[in-house]
Amino acid sequence: MNMQTSEDRRMLKFCCLMAALHFFIILVSIPIANLNEGWSFIFVWGVWIVIDFPISILNIVLYNPLISLQAKFPTLEYVLYPPYFIHGLLGTIWWFYLPRIYYKIKNRKIKS
């Protein structure tokens, strides 16, 4: 039987908190980005490119395939919209794992 330590439970709670916080802020920033077609759109997604940096590189790779999938599946238009998919879904997953990655690297440096 796999028993989690209290440290593991705290880490899991912290990872869930980070992912939930990321997702909440994305949900708040989507209407701000869609206020008009001007600078708010560019500013909001520019900020998210920095916040989700390694994941943001996927914008270059996935933008055109996601746009073509939107054309094939119009019911998934909002899910497959590249900023929503990359920053909303993949960025949230990234922020769930980021504390664990940091913690493992930090412990590795302490042990060596």
Protein backbone atom coordinates (compact mmCIF):
# COMPACT_ATOMS: atom_id res chain seq x y z
CA MET A 1 0.00 0.00 0.00
CA ASN A 2 1.35 3.40 -0.97
CA MET A 3 1.24 5.78 1.99
CA GLN A 4 1.96 9.40 1.26
CA THR A 5 3.99 11.41 3.70
CA SER A 6 2.69 14.72 4.98
CA GLU A 7 5.34 16.43 2.83
CA ASP A 8 3.99 14.68 -0.28
CA ARG A 9 0.44 15.75 0.60
CA ARG A 10 1.57 19.34 1.12
CA MET A 11 3.38 19.30 -2.23
CA LEU A 12 0.27 17.94 -3.96
CA LYS A 13 -1.89 20.65 -2.36
CA PHE A 14 0.61 23.32 -3.42
CA CYS A 15 0.72 21.98 -7.00
CA CYS A 16 -3.08 21.97 -7.15
CA LEU A 17 -3.14 25.51 -5.76
CA MET A 18 -0.68 26.74 -8.39
CA ALA A 19 -2.63 25.08 -11.23
CA ALA A 20 -5.96 26.41 -9.92
CA LEU A 21 -4.52 29.91 -9.53
CA HIS A 22 -3.15 29.79 -13.07
CA PHE A 23 -6.48 28.58 -14.46
CA PHE A 24 -8.44 31.23 -12.54
CA ILE A 25 -6.19 34.04 -13.80
CA ILE A 26 -6.53 32.71 -17.37
CA LEU A 27 -10.32 32.75 -17.01
CA VAL A 28 -10.15 36.36 -15.81
CA SER A 29 -7.77 37.45 -18.56
CA ILE A 30 -9.78 35.99 -21.47
CA PRO A 31 -12.56 38.60 -21.28
CA ILE A 32 -9.94 41.33 -20.85
CA ALA A 33 -8.15 40.14 -23.99
CA ASN A 34 -11.45 40.15 -25.88
CA LEU A 35 -12.53 43.66 -24.87
CA ASN A 36 -11.60 44.90 -28.30
CA GLU A 37 -9.30 43.92 -31.13
CA GLY A 38 -6.68 46.46 -30.12
CA TRP A 39 -3.87 46.50 -27.62
CA SER A 40 -5.59 44.61 -24.82
CA PHE A 41 -5.42 41.39 -26.86
CA ILE A 42 -1.74 41.85 -27.65
CA PHE A 43 -0.86 42.88 -24.11
CA VAL A 44 -2.72 40.05 -22.35
CA TRP A 45 -1.35 37.24 -24.50
CA GLY A 46 2.09 38.86 -24.47
CA VAL A 47 2.08 38.63 -20.69
CA TRP A 48 1.00 34.98 -20.87
CA ILE A 49 3.84 34.20 -23.26
CA VAL A 50 6.24 35.28 -20.51
CA ILE A 51 4.36 33.56 -17.66
CA ASP A 52 4.12 30.21 -19.48
CA PHE A 53 7.51 30.53 -21.17
CA PRO A 54 8.52 27.00 -22.08
CA ILE A 55 4.95 26.14 -22.99
CA SER A 56 4.65 29.36 -25.01
CA ILE A 57 7.09 27.98 -27.56
CA LEU A 58 4.25 25.67 -28.60
CA ASN A 59 2.52 28.74 -30.09
CA ILE A 60 5.00 28.52 -32.95
CA VAL A 61 4.48 24.80 -33.50
CA LEU A 62 0.76 24.36 -32.78
CA TYR A 63 -0.82 27.57 -34.08
CA ASN A 64 -1.54 26.46 -37.66
CA PRO A 65 -2.58 22.86 -36.80
CA LEU A 66 -5.01 24.14 -34.15
CA ILE A 67 -6.50 26.68 -36.57
CA SER A 68 -7.05 23.94 -39.16
CA LEU A 69 -8.68 21.71 -36.51
CA GLN A 70 -11.00 24.58 -35.65
CA ALA A 71 -12.19 24.60 -39.25
CA LYS A 72 -12.89 20.85 -39.15
CA PHE A 73 -14.60 20.88 -35.74
CA PRO A 74 -16.46 24.19 -35.32
CA THR A 75 -18.05 23.02 -32.06
CA LEU A 76 -14.57 22.94 -30.49
CA GLU A 77 -13.71 26.42 -31.73
CA TYR A 78 -13.15 27.94 -28.29
CA VAL A 79 -11.28 24.93 -26.90
CA LEU A 80 -8.94 24.73 -29.88
CA TYR A 81 -8.27 28.47 -30.11
CA PRO A 82 -4.46 28.46 -29.73
CA PRO A 83 -4.07 30.86 -26.77
CA TYR A 84 -6.85 29.10 -24.84
CA PHE A 85 -5.48 25.64 -25.56
CA ILE A 86 -1.81 26.45 -25.02
CA HIS A 87 -2.05 28.79 -22.05
CA GLY A 88 -5.36 27.62 -20.59
CA LEU A 89 -4.87 23.87 -20.75
CA LEU A 90 -1.18 23.16 -21.29
CA GLY A 91 -0.03 26.13 -19.21
CA THR A 92 -2.18 24.98 -16.29
CA ILE A 93 -0.68 21.50 -16.51
CA TRP A 94 2.78 23.10 -16.63
CA TRP A 95 2.08 25.09 -13.46
CA PHE A 96 0.87 21.90 -11.76
CA TYR A 97 4.22 20.18 -12.38
CA LEU A 98 6.51 23.22 -12.03
CA PRO A 99 6.67 23.16 -8.19
CA ARG A 100 7.55 19.45 -8.26
CA ILE A 101 10.31 20.04 -10.80
CA TYR A 102 11.69 22.93 -8.73
CA TYR A 103 11.54 20.88 -5.54
CA LYS A 104 13.40 17.93 -7.12
CA ILE A 105 16.13 20.18 -8.55
CA LYS A 106 16.49 22.00 -5.23
CA ASN A 107 16.81 18.72 -3.30
CA ARG A 108 19.33 17.36 -5.80
CA LYS A 109 21.56 20.42 -5.28
CA ILE A 110 21.29 20.12 -1.50
CA LYS A 111 22.26 16.41 -1.54
CA SER A 112 25.29 16.96 -3.78
